[in-house]
Amino acid sequence: MFVVGNLLTALATVIGLVLNLYMWVIIARAVISWVNPDPYNPIVRFLYSITDPVLLAIRRRLPLSFGGIDFSPIIVILAILFLQRFVVASLHDLAGHVVH
């Protein structure tokens, strides 16, 4: 059963890393939106293309914009933190129980 435990540990680690990376991409997108970025810059286009599907879905469901401030990145970051604390931690715990 140690193979299943190692698989779950590896899966939890990869999911945690991907969520952490995506959180930093969301933060970079939010910081870039404070300045007037060049829409033709490849980095800006990459950030927008990777974050727009999630942020637009949040904006459609929860129109949280007060005084020109968009709160959808905060909602996404909170969701990522929840997933890290709940899903990733649960996978790590489950892997520990499978091994024993």
PDB file of N, CA and C in Angstrom:
ATOM      1  N   MET A   1       0.797  -1.198   0.000  1.00  0.00           N
ATOM      2  CA  MET A   1       0.000   0.000   0.000  1.00  0.00           C
ATOM      3  C   MET A   1       0.842   1.267   0.000  1.00  0.00           C
ATOM      4  N   PHE A   2       2.135   1.121   0.214  1.00  0.00           N
ATOM      5  CA  PHE A   2       2.996   2.305   0.240  1.00  0.00           C
ATOM      6  C   PHE A   2       3.017   3.007  -1.109  1.00  0.00           C
ATOM      7  N   VAL A   3       2.769   2.262  -2.202  1.00  0.00           N
ATOM      8  CA  VAL A   3       2.765   2.875  -3.532  1.00  0.00           C
ATOM      9  C   VAL A   3       1.601   3.860  -3.646  1.00  0.00           C
ATOM     10  N   VAL A   4       0.435   3.471  -3.139  1.00  0.00           N
ATOM     11  CA  VAL A   4      -0.722   4.361  -3.164  1.00  0.00           C
ATOM     12  C   VAL A   4      -0.461   5.581  -2.280  1.00  0.00           C
ATOM     13  N   GLY A   5       0.154   5.364  -1.137  1.00  0.00           N
ATOM     14  CA  GLY A   5       0.492   6.484  -0.261  1.00  0.00           C
ATOM     15  C   GLY A   5       1.459   7.451  -0.915  1.00  0.00           C
ATOM     16  N   ASN A   6       2.468   6.899  -1.596  1.00  0.00           N
ATOM     17  CA  ASN A   6       3.421   7.764  -2.308  1.00  0.00           C
ATOM     18  C   ASN A   6       2.754   8.497  -3.458  1.00  0.00           C
ATOM     19  N   LEU A   7       1.835   7.827  -4.146  1.00  0.00           N
ATOM     20  CA  LEU A   7       1.106   8.467  -5.238  1.00  0.00           C
ATOM     21  C   LEU A   7       0.268   9.626  -4.707  1.00  0.00           C
ATOM     22  N   LEU A   8      -0.424   9.421  -3.602  1.00  0.00           N
ATOM     23  CA  LEU A   8      -1.232  10.489  -3.025  1.00  0.00           C
ATOM     24  C   LEU A   8      -0.374  11.646  -2.522  1.00  0.00           C
ATOM     25  N   THR A   9       0.773  11.326  -1.946  1.00  0.00           N
ATOM     26  CA  THR A   9       1.696  12.378  -1.502  1.00  0.00           C
ATOM     27  C   THR A   9       2.201  13.193  -2.691  1.00  0.00           C
ATOM     28  N   ALA A  10       2.585  12.509  -3.754  1.00  0.00           N
ATOM     29  CA  ALA A  10       3.063  13.205  -4.952  1.00  0.00           C
ATOM     30  C   ALA A  10       1.954  14.055  -5.566  1.00  0.00           C
ATOM     31  N   LEU A  11       0.743  13.509  -5.617  1.00  0.00           N
ATOM     32  CA  LEU A  11      -0.392  14.249  -6.166  1.00  0.00           C
ATOM     33  C   LEU A  11      -0.685  15.494  -5.338  1.00  0.00           C
ATOM     34  N   ALA A  12      -0.657  15.357  -4.025  1.00  0.00           N
ATOM     35  CA  ALA A  12      -0.892  16.504  -3.148  1.00  0.00           C
ATOM     36  C   ALA A  12       0.193  17.563  -3.327  1.00  0.00           C
ATOM     37  N   THR A  13       1.429  17.132  -3.481  1.00  0.00           N
ATOM     38  CA  THR A  13       2.535  18.071  -3.673  1.00  0.00           C
ATOM     39  C   THR A  13       2.399  18.824  -4.989  1.00  0.00           C
ATOM     40  N   VAL A  14       2.068  18.121  -6.045  1.00  0.00           N
ATOM     41  CA  VAL A  14       1.922  18.766  -7.356  1.00  0.00           C
ATOM     42  C   VAL A  14       0.744  19.735  -7.354  1.00  0.00           C
ATOM     43  N   ILE A  15      -0.384  19.310  -6.785  1.00  0.00           N
ATOM     44  CA  ILE A  15      -1.544  20.194  -6.713  1.00  0.00           C
ATOM     45  C   ILE A  15      -1.208  21.434  -5.877  1.00  0.00           C
ATOM     46  N   GLY A  16      -0.499  21.254  -4.783  1.00  0.00           N
ATOM     47  CA  GLY A  16      -0.101  22.390  -3.955  1.00  0.00           C
ATOM     48  C   GLY A  16       0.804  23.358  -4.698  1.00  0.00           C
ATOM     49  N   LEU A  17       1.748  22.824  -5.460  1.00  0.00           N
ATOM     50  CA  LEU A  17       2.650  23.689  -6.231  1.00  0.00           C
ATOM     51  C   LEU A  17       1.908  24.443  -7.330  1.00  0.00           C
ATOM     52  N   VAL A  18       1.011  23.755  -8.022  1.00  0.00           N
ATOM     53  CA  VAL A  18       0.239  24.400  -9.096  1.00  0.00           C
ATOM     54  C   VAL A  18      -0.651  25.496  -8.520  1.00  0.00           C
ATOM     55  N   LEU A  19      -1.300  25.217  -7.412  1.00  0.00           N
ATOM     56  CA  LEU A  19      -2.135  26.240  -6.780  1.00  0.00           C
ATOM     57  C   LEU A  19      -1.307  27.432  -6.308  1.00  0.00           C
ATOM     58  N   ASN A  20      -0.144  27.174  -5.749  1.00  0.00           N
ATOM     59  CA  ASN A  20       0.738  28.255  -5.304  1.00  0.00           C
ATOM     60  C   ASN A  20       1.206  29.100  -6.488  1.00  0.00           C
ATOM     61  N   LEU A  21       1.596  28.449  -7.558  1.00  0.00           N
ATOM     62  CA  LEU A  21       2.025  29.178  -8.758  1.00  0.00           C
ATOM     63  C   LEU A  21       0.891  30.017  -9.327  1.00  0.00           C
ATOM     64  N   TYR A  22      -0.317  29.439  -9.388  1.00  0.00           N
ATOM     65  CA  TYR A  22      -1.452  30.188  -9.932  1.00  0.00           C
ATOM     66  C   TYR A  22      -1.813  31.374  -9.040  1.00  0.00           C
ATOM     67  N   MET A  23      -1.643  31.230  -7.736  1.00  0.00           N
ATOM     68  CA  MET A  23      -1.898  32.347  -6.840  1.00  0.00           C
ATOM     69  C   MET A  23      -0.937  33.497  -7.152  1.00  0.00           C
ATOM     70  N   TRP A  24       0.339  33.177  -7.405  1.00  0.00           N
ATOM     71  CA  TRP A  24       1.294  34.232  -7.738  1.00  0.00           C
ATOM     72  C   TRP A  24       1.008  34.851  -9.099  1.00  0.00           C
ATOM     73  N   VAL A  25       0.476  34.075 -10.021  1.00  0.00           N
ATOM     74  CA  VAL A  25       0.080  34.626 -11.321  1.00  0.00           C
ATOM     75  C   VAL A  25      -1.091  35.587 -11.136  1.00  0.00           C
ATOM     76  N   ILE A  26      -2.052  35.236 -10.294  1.00  0.00           N
ATOM     77  CA  ILE A  26      -3.175  36.129  -9.997  1.00  0.00           C
ATOM     78  C   ILE A  26      -2.676  37.417  -9.351  1.00  0.00           C
ATOM     79  N   ILE A  27      -1.733  37.303  -8.429  1.00  0.00           N
ATOM     80  CA  ILE A  27      -1.168  38.498  -7.779  1.00  0.00           C
ATOM     81  C   ILE A  27      -0.448  39.364  -8.808  1.00  0.00           C
ATOM     82  N   ALA A  28       0.327  38.751  -9.697  1.00  0.00           N
ATOM     83  CA  ALA A  28       1.018  39.516 -10.741  1.00  0.00           C
ATOM     84  C   ALA A  28       0.019  40.221 -11.644  1.00  0.00           C
ATOM     85  N   ARG A  29      -1.071  39.535 -11.983  1.00  0.00           N
ATOM     86  CA  ARG A  29      -2.110  40.146 -12.820  1.00  0.00           C
ATOM     87  C   ARG A  29      -2.723  41.346 -12.115  1.00  0.00           C
ATOM     88  N   ALA A  30      -2.982  41.222 -10.821  1.00  0.00           N
ATOM     89  CA  ALA A  30      -3.573  42.333 -10.074  1.00  0.00           C
ATOM     90  C   ALA A  30      -2.615  43.515 -10.003  1.00  0.00           C
ATOM     91  N   VAL A  31      -1.335  43.240  -9.763  1.00  0.00           N
ATOM     92  CA  VAL A  31      -0.352  44.324  -9.684  1.00  0.00           C
ATOM     93  C   VAL A  31      -0.186  45.006 -11.041  1.00  0.00           C
ATOM     94  N   ILE A  32      -0.180  44.218 -12.096  1.00  0.00           N
ATOM     95  CA  ILE A  32      -0.034  44.790 -13.445  1.00  0.00           C
ATOM     96  C   ILE A  32      -1.233  45.660 -13.804  1.00  0.00           C
ATOM     97  N   SER A  33      -2.410  45.328 -13.263  1.00  0.00           N
ATOM     98  CA  SER A  33      -3.598  46.117 -13.596  1.00  0.00           C
ATOM     99  C   SER A  33      -3.559  47.510 -12.962  1.00  0.00           C
ATOM    100  N   TRP A  34      -2.693  47.722 -11.982  1.00  0.00           N
ATOM    101  CA  TRP A  34      -2.597  49.040 -11.360  1.00  0.00           C
ATOM    102  C   TRP A  34      -1.917  50.051 -12.264  1.00  0.00           C
ATOM    103  N   VAL A  35      -1.054  49.573 -13.143  1.00  0.00           N
ATOM    104  CA  VAL A  35      -0.428  50.446 -14.137  1.00  0.00           C
ATOM    105  C   VAL A  35      -1.150  50.232 -15.451  1.00  0.00           C
ATOM    106  N   ASN A  36      -0.834  51.001 -16.431  1.00  0.00           N
ATOM    107  CA  ASN A  36      -1.458  50.839 -17.737  1.00  0.00           C
ATOM    108  C   ASN A  36      -0.559  49.956 -18.597  1.00  0.00           C
ATOM    109  N   PRO A  37      -0.753  48.621 -18.548  1.00  0.00           N
ATOM    110  CA  PRO A  37       0.164  47.733 -19.263  1.00  0.00           C
ATOM    111  C   PRO A  37      -0.074  47.773 -20.767  1.00  0.00           C
ATOM    112  N   ASP A  38       0.983  47.496 -21.500  1.00  0.00           N
ATOM    113  CA  ASP A  38       0.881  47.388 -22.953  1.00  0.00           C
ATOM    114  C   ASP A  38       0.153  46.083 -23.283  1.00  0.00           C
ATOM    115  N   PRO A  39      -1.024  46.146 -23.908  1.00  0.00           N
ATOM    116  CA  PRO A  39      -1.778  44.910 -24.171  1.00  0.00           C
ATOM    117  C   PRO A  39      -1.108  43.988 -25.183  1.00  0.00           C
ATOM    118  N   TYR A  40      -0.089  44.481 -25.883  1.00  0.00           N
ATOM    119  CA  TYR A  40       0.603  43.651 -26.876  1.00  0.00           C
ATOM    120  C   TYR A  40       1.872  43.009 -26.323  1.00  0.00           C
ATOM    121  N   ASN A  41       2.207  43.328 -25.075  1.00  0.00           N
ATOM    122  CA  ASN A  41       3.360  42.715 -24.437  1.00  0.00           C
ATOM    123  C   ASN A  41       3.064  41.227 -24.225  1.00  0.00           C
ATOM    124  N   PRO A  42       3.999  40.338 -24.611  1.00  0.00           N
ATOM    125  CA  PRO A  42       3.721  38.904 -24.474  1.00  0.00           C
ATOM    126  C   PRO A  42       3.490  38.453 -23.035  1.00  0.00           C
ATOM    127  N   ILE A  43       4.157  39.070 -22.084  1.00  0.00           N
ATOM    128  CA  ILE A  43       3.956  38.691 -20.678  1.00  0.00           C
ATOM    129  C   ILE A  43       2.556  39.086 -20.226  1.00  0.00           C
ATOM    130  N   VAL A  44       2.133  40.285 -20.591  1.00  0.00           N
ATOM    131  CA  VAL A  44       0.800  40.755 -20.231  1.00  0.00           C
ATOM    132  C   VAL A  44      -0.257  39.876 -20.896  1.00  0.00           C
ATOM    133  N   ARG A  45      -0.052  39.542 -22.142  1.00  0.00           N
ATOM    134  CA  ARG A  45      -1.012  38.679 -22.848  1.00  0.00           C
ATOM    135  C   ARG A  45      -1.078  37.299 -22.207  1.00  0.00           C
ATOM    136  N   PHE A  46       0.069  36.765 -21.789  1.00  0.00           N
ATOM    137  CA  PHE A  46       0.086  35.472 -21.114  1.00  0.00           C
ATOM    138  C   PHE A  46      -0.680  35.532 -19.793  1.00  0.00           C
ATOM    139  N   LEU A  47      -0.398  36.570 -18.992  1.00  0.00           N
ATOM    140  CA  LEU A  47      -1.085  36.714 -17.705  1.00  0.00           C
ATOM    141  C   LEU A  47      -2.594  36.843 -17.891  1.00  0.00           C
ATOM    142  N   TYR A  48      -3.006  37.635 -18.882  1.00  0.00           N
ATOM    143  CA  TYR A  48      -4.436  37.804 -19.121  1.00  0.00           C
ATOM    144  C   TYR A  48      -5.060  36.509 -19.627  1.00  0.00           C
ATOM    145  N   SER A  49      -4.372  35.800 -20.510  1.00  0.00           N
ATOM    146  CA  SER A  49      -4.963  34.586 -21.075  1.00  0.00           C
ATOM    147  C   SER A  49      -5.086  33.469 -20.048  1.00  0.00           C
ATOM    148  N   ILE A  50      -4.185  33.419 -19.082  1.00  0.00           N
ATOM    149  CA  ILE A  50      -4.227  32.339 -18.092  1.00  0.00           C
ATOM    150  C   ILE A  50      -5.148  32.683 -16.905  1.00  0.00           C
ATOM    151  N   THR A  51      -5.427  33.973 -16.683  1.00  0.00           N
ATOM    152  CA  THR A  51      -6.262  34.346 -15.545  1.00  0.00           C
ATOM    153  C   THR A  51      -7.673  34.778 -15.925  1.00  0.00           C
ATOM    154  N   ASP A  52      -7.876  35.222 -17.151  1.00  0.00           N
ATOM    155  CA  ASP A  52      -9.191  35.714 -17.560  1.00  0.00           C
ATOM    156  C   ASP A  52     -10.317  34.694 -17.397  1.00  0.00           C
ATOM    157  N   PRO A  53     -10.136  33.425 -17.768  1.00  0.00           N
ATOM    158  CA  PRO A  53     -11.272  32.500 -17.609  1.00  0.00           C
ATOM    159  C   PRO A  53     -11.775  32.406 -16.169  1.00  0.00           C
ATOM    160  N   VAL A  54     -10.870  32.363 -15.213  1.00  0.00           N
ATOM    161  CA  VAL A  54     -11.280  32.241 -13.806  1.00  0.00           C
ATOM    162  C   VAL A  54     -11.840  33.568 -13.296  1.00  0.00           C
ATOM    163  N   LEU A  55     -11.153  34.657 -13.576  1.00  0.00           N
ATOM    164  CA  LEU A  55     -11.600  35.952 -13.073  1.00  0.00           C
ATOM    165  C   LEU A  55     -12.922  36.375 -13.693  1.00  0.00           C
ATOM    166  N   LEU A  56     -13.116  36.112 -14.988  1.00  0.00           N
ATOM    167  CA  LEU A  56     -14.382  36.470 -15.630  1.00  0.00           C
ATOM    168  C   LEU A  56     -15.531  35.635 -15.086  1.00  0.00           C
ATOM    169  N   ALA A  57     -15.278  34.375 -14.770  1.00  0.00           N
ATOM    170  CA  ALA A  57     -16.326  33.532 -14.180  1.00  0.00           C
ATOM    171  C   ALA A  57     -16.738  34.067 -12.811  1.00  0.00           C
ATOM    172  N   ILE A  58     -15.770  34.506 -12.027  1.00  0.00           N
ATOM    173  CA  ILE A  58     -16.075  35.093 -10.712  1.00  0.00           C
ATOM    174  C   ILE A  58     -16.836  36.395 -10.892  1.00  0.00           C
ATOM    175  N   ARG A  59     -16.418  37.227 -11.832  1.00  0.00           N
ATOM    176  CA  ARG A  59     -17.097  38.519 -12.058  1.00  0.00           C
ATOM    177  C   ARG A  59     -18.530  38.331 -12.518  1.00  0.00           C
ATOM    178  N   ARG A  60     -18.789  37.286 -13.318  1.00  0.00           N
ATOM    179  CA  ARG A  60     -20.156  37.029 -13.773  1.00  0.00           C
ATOM    180  C   ARG A  60     -21.051  36.591 -12.614  1.00  0.00           C
ATOM    181  N   ARG A  61     -20.521  35.756 -11.744  1.00  0.00           N
ATOM    182  CA  ARG A  61     -21.329  35.225 -10.650  1.00  0.00           C
ATOM    183  C   ARG A  61     -21.440  36.199  -9.475  1.00  0.00           C
ATOM    184  N   LEU A  62     -20.358  36.897  -9.176  1.00  0.00           N
ATOM    185  CA  LEU A  62     -20.331  37.838  -8.054  1.00  0.00           C
ATOM    186  C   LEU A  62     -19.805  39.186  -8.537  1.00  0.00           C
ATOM    187  N   PRO A  63     -20.673  40.081  -8.921  1.00  0.00           N
ATOM    188  CA  PRO A  63     -20.189  41.392  -9.397  1.00  0.00           C
ATOM    189  C   PRO A  63     -19.690  42.238  -8.226  1.00  0.00           C
ATOM    190  N   LEU A  64     -18.459  41.975  -7.830  1.00  0.00           N
ATOM    191  CA  LEU A  64     -17.859  42.663  -6.688  1.00  0.00           C
ATOM    192  C   LEU A  64     -16.886  43.737  -7.164  1.00  0.00           C
ATOM    193  N   SER A  65     -17.402  44.872  -7.528  1.00  0.00           N
ATOM    194  CA  SER A  65     -16.556  45.984  -7.939  1.00  0.00           C
ATOM    195  C   SER A  65     -17.127  47.250  -7.312  1.00  0.00           C
ATOM    196  N   PHE A  66     -16.416  47.775  -6.344  1.00  0.00           N
ATOM    197  CA  PHE A  66     -16.870  48.972  -5.652  1.00  0.00           C
ATOM    198  C   PHE A  66     -15.857  50.084  -5.875  1.00  0.00           C
ATOM    199  N   GLY A  67     -16.323  51.166  -6.434  1.00  0.00           N
ATOM    200  CA  GLY A  67     -15.446  52.313  -6.649  1.00  0.00           C
ATOM    201  C   GLY A  67     -14.311  52.025  -7.609  1.00  0.00           C
ATOM    202  N   GLY A  68     -14.542  51.160  -8.570  1.00  0.00           N
ATOM    203  CA  GLY A  68     -13.513  50.840  -9.551  1.00  0.00           C
ATOM    204  C   GLY A  68     -12.507  49.797  -9.089  1.00  0.00           C
ATOM    205  N   ILE A  69     -12.691  49.257  -7.893  1.00  0.00           N
ATOM    206  CA  ILE A  69     -11.782  48.227  -7.386  1.00  0.00           C
ATOM    207  C   ILE A  69     -12.412  46.867  -7.637  1.00  0.00           C
ATOM    208  N   ASP A  70     -11.672  46.008  -8.291  1.00  0.00           N
ATOM    209  CA  ASP A  70     -12.136  44.671  -8.618  1.00  0.00           C
ATOM    210  C   ASP A  70     -11.688  43.708  -7.517  1.00  0.00           C
ATOM    211  N   PHE A  71     -12.648  43.038  -6.890  1.00  0.00           N
ATOM    212  CA  PHE A  71     -12.345  42.125  -5.799  1.00  0.00           C
ATOM    213  C   PHE A  71     -12.268  40.671  -6.235  1.00  0.00           C
ATOM    214  N   SER A  72     -12.423  40.405  -7.531  1.00  0.00           N
ATOM    215  CA  SER A  72     -12.384  39.012  -7.995  1.00  0.00           C
ATOM    216  C   SER A  72     -11.026  38.338  -7.757  1.00  0.00           C
ATOM    217  N   PRO A  73      -9.878  39.031  -7.884  1.00  0.00           N
ATOM    218  CA  PRO A  73      -8.617  38.359  -7.537  1.00  0.00           C
ATOM    219  C   PRO A  73      -8.557  37.936  -6.071  1.00  0.00           C
ATOM    220  N   ILE A  74      -9.146  38.719  -5.184  1.00  0.00           N
ATOM    221  CA  ILE A  74      -9.141  38.357  -3.765  1.00  0.00           C
ATOM    222  C   ILE A  74      -9.977  37.099  -3.542  1.00  0.00           C
ATOM    223  N   ILE A  75     -11.113  37.004  -4.235  1.00  0.00           N
ATOM    224  CA  ILE A  75     -11.963  35.820  -4.120  1.00  0.00           C
ATOM    225  C   ILE A  75     -11.217  34.589  -4.618  1.00  0.00           C
ATOM    226  N   VAL A  76     -10.504  34.730  -5.736  1.00  0.00           N
ATOM    227  CA  VAL A  76      -9.755  33.593  -6.288  1.00  0.00           C
ATOM    228  C   VAL A  76      -8.622  33.190  -5.338  1.00  0.00           C
ATOM    229  N   ILE A  77      -7.927  34.151  -4.771  1.00  0.00           N
ATOM    230  CA  ILE A  77      -6.842  33.844  -3.831  1.00  0.00           C
ATOM    231  C   ILE A  77      -7.397  33.146  -2.591  1.00  0.00           C
ATOM    232  N   LEU A  78      -8.536  33.593  -2.097  1.00  0.00           N
ATOM    233  CA  LEU A  78      -9.154  32.928  -0.952  1.00  0.00           C
ATOM    234  C   LEU A  78      -9.568  31.495  -1.294  1.00  0.00           C
ATOM    235  N   ALA A  79     -10.068  31.290  -2.508  1.00  0.00           N
ATOM    236  CA  ALA A  79     -10.433  29.940  -2.941  1.00  0.00           C
ATOM    237  C   ALA A  79      -9.194  29.051  -3.046  1.00  0.00           C
ATOM    238  N   ILE A  80      -8.107  29.608  -3.551  1.00  0.00           N
ATOM    239  CA  ILE A  80      -6.856  28.841  -3.652  1.00  0.00           C
ATOM    240  C   ILE A  80      -6.352  28.471  -2.254  1.00  0.00           C
ATOM    241  N   LEU A  81      -6.395  29.417  -1.332  1.00  0.00           N
ATOM    242  CA  LEU A  81      -5.959  29.127   0.040  1.00  0.00           C
ATOM    243  C   LEU A  81      -6.833  28.044   0.674  1.00  0.00           C
ATOM    244  N   PHE A  82      -8.143  28.107   0.416  1.00  0.00           N
ATOM    245  CA  PHE A  82      -9.028  27.068   0.925  1.00  0.00           C
ATOM    246  C   PHE A  82      -8.659  25.701   0.342  1.00  0.00           C
ATOM    247  N   LEU A  83      -8.429  25.652  -0.971  1.00  0.00           N
ATOM    248  CA  LEU A  83      -8.063  24.385  -1.606  1.00  0.00           C
ATOM    249  C   LEU A  83      -6.741  23.847  -1.061  1.00  0.00           C
ATOM    250  N   GLN A  84      -5.799  24.748  -0.807  1.00  0.00           N
ATOM    251  CA  GLN A  84      -4.524  24.302  -0.248  1.00  0.00           C
ATOM    252  C   GLN A  84      -4.701  23.744   1.164  1.00  0.00           C
ATOM    253  N   ARG A  85      -5.499  24.408   1.957  1.00  0.00           N
ATOM    254  CA  ARG A  85      -5.671  23.975   3.352  1.00  0.00           C
ATOM    255  C   ARG A  85      -6.562  22.744   3.460  1.00  0.00           C
ATOM    256  N   PHE A  86      -7.529  22.593   2.559  1.00  0.00           N
ATOM    257  CA  PHE A  86      -8.473  21.492   2.672  1.00  0.00           C
ATOM    258  C   PHE A  86      -8.087  20.304   1.788  1.00  0.00           C
ATOM    259  N   VAL A  87      -8.002  20.521   0.485  1.00  0.00           N
ATOM    260  CA  VAL A  87      -7.777  19.404  -0.442  1.00  0.00           C
ATOM    261  C   VAL A  87      -6.356  18.860  -0.318  1.00  0.00           C
ATOM    262  N   VAL A  88      -5.382  19.739  -0.392  1.00  0.00           N
ATOM    263  CA  VAL A  88      -3.989  19.293  -0.352  1.00  0.00           C
ATOM    264  C   VAL A  88      -3.668  18.680   1.013  1.00  0.00           C
ATOM    265  N   ALA A  89      -4.115  19.323   2.066  1.00  0.00           N
ATOM    266  CA  ALA A  89      -3.861  18.774   3.404  1.00  0.00           C
ATOM    267  C   ALA A  89      -4.582  17.442   3.596  1.00  0.00           C
ATOM    268  N   SER A  90      -5.790  17.322   3.066  1.00  0.00           N
ATOM    269  CA  SER A  90      -6.528  16.053   3.174  1.00  0.00           C
ATOM    270  C   SER A  90      -5.830  14.944   2.398  1.00  0.00           C
ATOM    271  N   LEU A  91      -5.288  15.262   1.233  1.00  0.00           N
ATOM    272  CA  LEU A  91      -4.553  14.253   0.467  1.00  0.00           C
ATOM    273  C   LEU A  91      -3.297  13.807   1.213  1.00  0.00           C
ATOM    274  N   HIS A  92      -2.595  14.747   1.833  1.00  0.00           N
ATOM    275  CA  HIS A  92      -1.420  14.389   2.624  1.00  0.00           C
ATOM    276  C   HIS A  92      -1.805  13.489   3.804  1.00  0.00           C
ATOM    277  N   ASP A  93      -2.883  13.842   4.488  1.00  0.00           N
ATOM    278  CA  ASP A  93      -3.335  13.023   5.617  1.00  0.00           C
ATOM    279  C   ASP A  93      -3.770  11.632   5.155  1.00  0.00           C
ATOM    280  N   LEU A  94      -4.492  11.593   4.038  1.00  0.00           N
ATOM    281  CA  LEU A  94      -4.933  10.316   3.504  1.00  0.00           C
ATOM    282  C   LEU A  94      -3.730   9.441   3.116  1.00  0.00           C
ATOM    283  N   ALA A  95      -2.721  10.056   2.538  1.00  0.00           N
ATOM    284  CA  ALA A  95      -1.516   9.311   2.180  1.00  0.00           C
ATOM    285  C   ALA A  95      -0.842   8.747   3.418  1.00  0.00           C
ATOM    286  N   GLY A  96      -0.820   9.508   4.496  1.00  0.00           N
ATOM    287  CA  GLY A  96      -0.239   9.036   5.743  1.00  0.00           C
ATOM    288  C   GLY A  96      -1.005   7.876   6.333  1.00  0.00           C
ATOM    289  N   HIS A  97      -2.331   7.883   6.198  1.00  0.00           N
ATOM    290  CA  HIS A  97      -3.156   6.802   6.722  1.00  0.00           C
ATOM    291  C   HIS A  97      -3.054   5.544   5.870  1.00  0.00           C
ATOM    292  N   VAL A  98      -2.846   5.717   4.558  1.00  0.00           N
ATOM    293  CA  VAL A  98      -2.741   4.554   3.670  1.00  0.00           C
ATOM    294  C   VAL A  98      -1.453   3.797   3.944  1.00  0.00           C
ATOM    295  N   VAL A  99      -0.384   4.522   4.236  1.00  0.00           N
ATOM    296  CA  VAL A  99       0.914   3.891   4.464  1.00  0.00           C
ATOM    297  C   VAL A  99       0.881   3.056   5.743  1.00  0.00           C
ATOM    298  N   HIS A 100       0.207   3.535   6.757  1.00  0.00           N
ATOM    299  CA  HIS A 100       0.208   2.823   8.048  1.00  0.00           C
ATOM    300  C   HIS A 100      -0.801   1.758   8.032  1.00  0.00           C
TER     301      HIS A 100
END
